[in-house]
Protein backbone atom coordinates (compact mmCIF):
# COMPACT_ATOMS: atom_id res chain seq x y z
CA MET A 1 0.12 -0.06 -0.23
CA ILE A 2 1.36 2.95 -0.98
CA TYR A 3 -0.12 6.59 0.90
CA LYS A 4 1.64 10.05 -0.62
CA PHE A 5 0.72 13.34 1.32
CA LYS A 6 2.48 16.70 2.09
CA LEU A 7 3.65 17.43 5.90
CA PRO A 8 1.90 19.92 7.48
CA GLY A 9 4.05 23.90 7.29
CA LYS A 10 4.85 26.72 4.80
CA ARG A 11 7.42 24.32 2.88
CA GLY A 12 6.42 20.90 3.88
CA PRO A 13 7.98 18.46 2.18
CA ASP A 14 5.89 15.58 -0.11
CA VAL A 15 6.36 12.40 1.32
CA LYS A 16 5.52 8.98 0.23
CA VAL A 17 5.73 6.02 2.16
CA SER A 18 5.16 2.13 1.23
CA VAL A 19 4.25 -0.54 3.45
CA SER A 20 4.11 -4.08 2.44
CA PHE A 21 0.92 -6.05 2.92
CA PHE A 22 2.47 -9.23 3.85
CA THR A 23 5.68 -8.00 5.80
CA GLY A 24 4.70 -5.05 7.42
CA LYS A 25 8.25 -3.45 6.01
CA THR A 26 7.80 0.42 5.66
CA ARG A 27 10.05 2.53 3.00
CA VAL A 28 9.53 6.43 3.47
CA TRP A 29 10.40 8.70 0.57
CA VAL A 30 11.06 12.69 0.96
CA ARG A 31 11.10 14.86 -2.02
CA GLY A 32 11.98 11.77 -4.26
CA LYS A 33 14.89 10.35 -1.98
CA GLU A 34 14.69 7.92 0.08
CA VAL A 35 15.05 7.80 3.74
CA LYS A 36 16.61 5.28 5.83
CA SER A 37 14.95 4.61 9.77
CA GLU A 38 16.73 5.66 12.80
CA SER A 39 14.65 2.68 14.53
CA LYS A 40 11.70 0.93 13.54
CA LYS A 41 9.32 3.51 12.61
CA PHE A 42 11.16 6.69 13.37
CA TYR A 43 12.54 8.99 10.28
CA ASN A 44 14.09 11.85 10.68
CA ILE A 45 12.91 13.95 7.65
CA PRO A 46 15.17 16.99 5.93
CA VAL A 47 13.04 20.37 6.53
CA THR A 48 15.96 22.62 5.35
CA LYS A 49 19.72 21.64 4.14
CA THR A 50 20.65 21.52 7.69
CA ARG A 51 17.44 20.87 9.79
CA THR A 52 15.48 17.54 10.37
CA GLU A 53 11.98 17.13 12.21
CA GLN A 54 11.24 13.29 12.95
CA MET A 55 8.39 11.51 12.11
CA ARG A 56 6.89 8.22 13.47
CA LEU A 57 4.31 5.87 11.56
CA SER A 58 1.32 5.04 13.65
CA PRO A 59 -0.82 1.69 12.49
CA ASN A 60 -4.61 3.04 12.29
CA ILE A 61 -6.05 -0.27 13.71
CA PHE A 62 -9.52 0.80 12.80
CA ASN A 63 -9.34 1.82 9.45
CA LEU A 64 -6.29 -0.67 8.77
CA GLY A 65 -4.35 2.29 7.41
CA LEU A 66 -1.72 4.52 8.56
CA ASP A 67 -1.36 7.72 10.79
CA VAL A 68 1.65 9.68 10.34
CA ILE A 69 2.82 11.50 13.77
CA TYR A 70 4.55 14.86 13.16
CA LYS A 71 5.69 17.71 15.55
CA ASP A 72 2.96 16.02 17.86
CA GLN A 73 0.41 16.19 15.30
CA ARG A 74 -1.79 13.03 14.21
CA ILE A 75 -1.84 13.29 10.49
CA ASN A 76 -4.20 10.52 9.11
CA VAL A 77 -3.39 9.40 5.67
CA SER A 78 -5.30 6.68 4.92
CA ARG A 79 -8.68 6.61 3.45
CA LYS A 80 -11.56 7.33 5.18
CA VAL A 81 -14.07 3.66 5.19
CA THR A 82 -17.72 4.21 4.68
CA LYS A 83 -20.00 2.80 6.69
CA LEU A 84 -21.44 0.22 3.60
CA GLU A 85 -17.65 -0.62 3.04
CA TYR A 86 -17.18 -1.58 6.94
CA VAL A 87 -20.44 -3.85 6.60
CA THR A 88 -19.40 -5.32 3.12
CA SER A 89 -15.80 -6.16 4.63
CA TYR A 90 -16.43 -7.51 8.11
CA ALA A 91 -19.38 -9.76 6.10
CA PRO A 92 -16.73 -12.43 6.63
CA VAL A 93 -17.01 -12.80 10.14
CA LEU A 94 -20.57 -13.11 10.06
CA LEU A 95 -20.76 -15.95 7.56
CA GLY A 96 -18.38 -17.63 9.41
CA VAL A 97 -20.68 -17.18 12.74
CA VAL A 98 -23.42 -18.62 10.17
CA ALA A 99 -21.85 -21.35 8.76
CA SER A 100 -20.65 -22.58 11.60
CA SER A 101 -23.86 -22.68 13.29
CA MET A 102 -25.93 -23.67 10.29
CA TYR A 103 -23.81 -26.40 9.29
CA ASP A 104 -23.58 -27.95 12.90
CA ALA A 105 -19.46 -27.65 12.43
CA ASN A 106 -17.55 -29.19 15.95
CA VAL A 107 -15.28 -26.85 17.64
CA TYR A 108 -12.40 -27.58 15.61
CA LYS A 109 -14.43 -26.71 12.43
CA SER A 110 -15.88 -23.58 13.95
CA ALA A 111 -11.91 -22.36 15.09
CA ILE A 112 -10.74 -23.27 11.34
CA MET A 113 -13.60 -20.92 10.34
CA GLY A 114 -13.01 -18.46 12.87
CA VAL A 115 -9.94 -17.72 11.59
CA LEU A 116 -10.25 -17.83 8.44
CA SER A 117 -13.01 -15.18 8.78
CA VAL A 118 -10.91 -12.80 10.13
CA PHE A 119 -8.50 -13.02 7.61
CA PHE A 120 -10.89 -12.87 4.91
CA SER A 121 -12.50 -9.55 6.69
CA LEU A 122 -8.86 -7.72 6.84
CA PHE A 123 -8.11 -8.84 3.07
CA ASN A 124 -11.41 -6.95 2.14
CA MET A 125 -10.18 -4.09 4.15
CA LYS A 126 -6.97 -4.13 2.71
CA ILE A 127 -8.76 -4.31 -0.60
CA LEU A 128 -10.70 -0.98 0.11
CA GLN A 129 -7.81 0.87 1.41
CA GLY A 130 -6.45 0.47 -2.08
CA ASP A 131 -6.18 2.51 -5.36
CA ARG A 132 -8.08 0.71 -7.32
CA PRO A 133 -11.67 2.01 -9.02
CA GLU A 134 -14.65 2.04 -6.53
CA LEU A 135 -16.73 -0.69 -8.81
CA ALA A 136 -13.23 -2.90 -9.02
CA LYS A 137 -13.05 -2.84 -5.13
CA LEU A 138 -16.93 -3.66 -4.50
CA ILE A 139 -16.11 -6.91 -6.94
CA TYR A 140 -13.19 -7.66 -5.32
CA ASN A 141 -15.23 -7.21 -2.00
CA GLY A 142 -18.11 -9.58 -3.59
CA VAL A 143 -15.92 -11.96 -4.84
CA VAL A 144 -14.16 -12.35 -1.48
CA ILE A 145 -17.19 -13.01 0.37
CA ALA A 146 -18.11 -15.33 -2.24
CA VAL A 147 -15.17 -17.37 -1.67
CA SER A 148 -15.26 -17.24 2.00
CA TRP A 149 -18.58 -18.53 2.06
CA PHE A 150 -17.72 -21.44 -0.31
CA VAL A 151 -14.47 -21.73 1.90
CA PHE A 152 -16.91 -22.25 5.10
CA TRP A 153 -19.43 -24.67 3.68
CA GLY A 154 -16.44 -26.85 2.41
CA ILE A 155 -14.89 -26.52 5.58
CA ALA A 156 -18.08 -27.62 7.10
CA LYS A 157 -18.90 -30.58 4.74
CA ILE A 158 -15.38 -32.22 5.52
């Protein structure tokens, strides 16, 4: 996932942050040049030729996005998610519960369905946070919901 934003201030630099979906590794570019991290999530951002300011990356767990803390100010750089997108992205959790009770799955199958339902929901939220067109996001979201139902059905029937 790539986030592009401008830091506040009179001459706030343009910043691009890349976060890997699977590993969580982050890379930061300021004015087109990569900035190395001084520790896990802290970066020294060059403001002028002689002065730097510290920027910290903070995960936004509710939106599965990213917040930036710069000069003690929290900046939300991820896209806002609508209520409809929350409902559709977390639908696999509800489907997992329904499938577990409907097919009378045992404890082990229900646990597997629960873990997979969380995975499918997080995957849906990552799709919605992406930079594809809105229609494509909803189609992908529907496909993930359908696949999750068939996976739950398959697990219950084993």
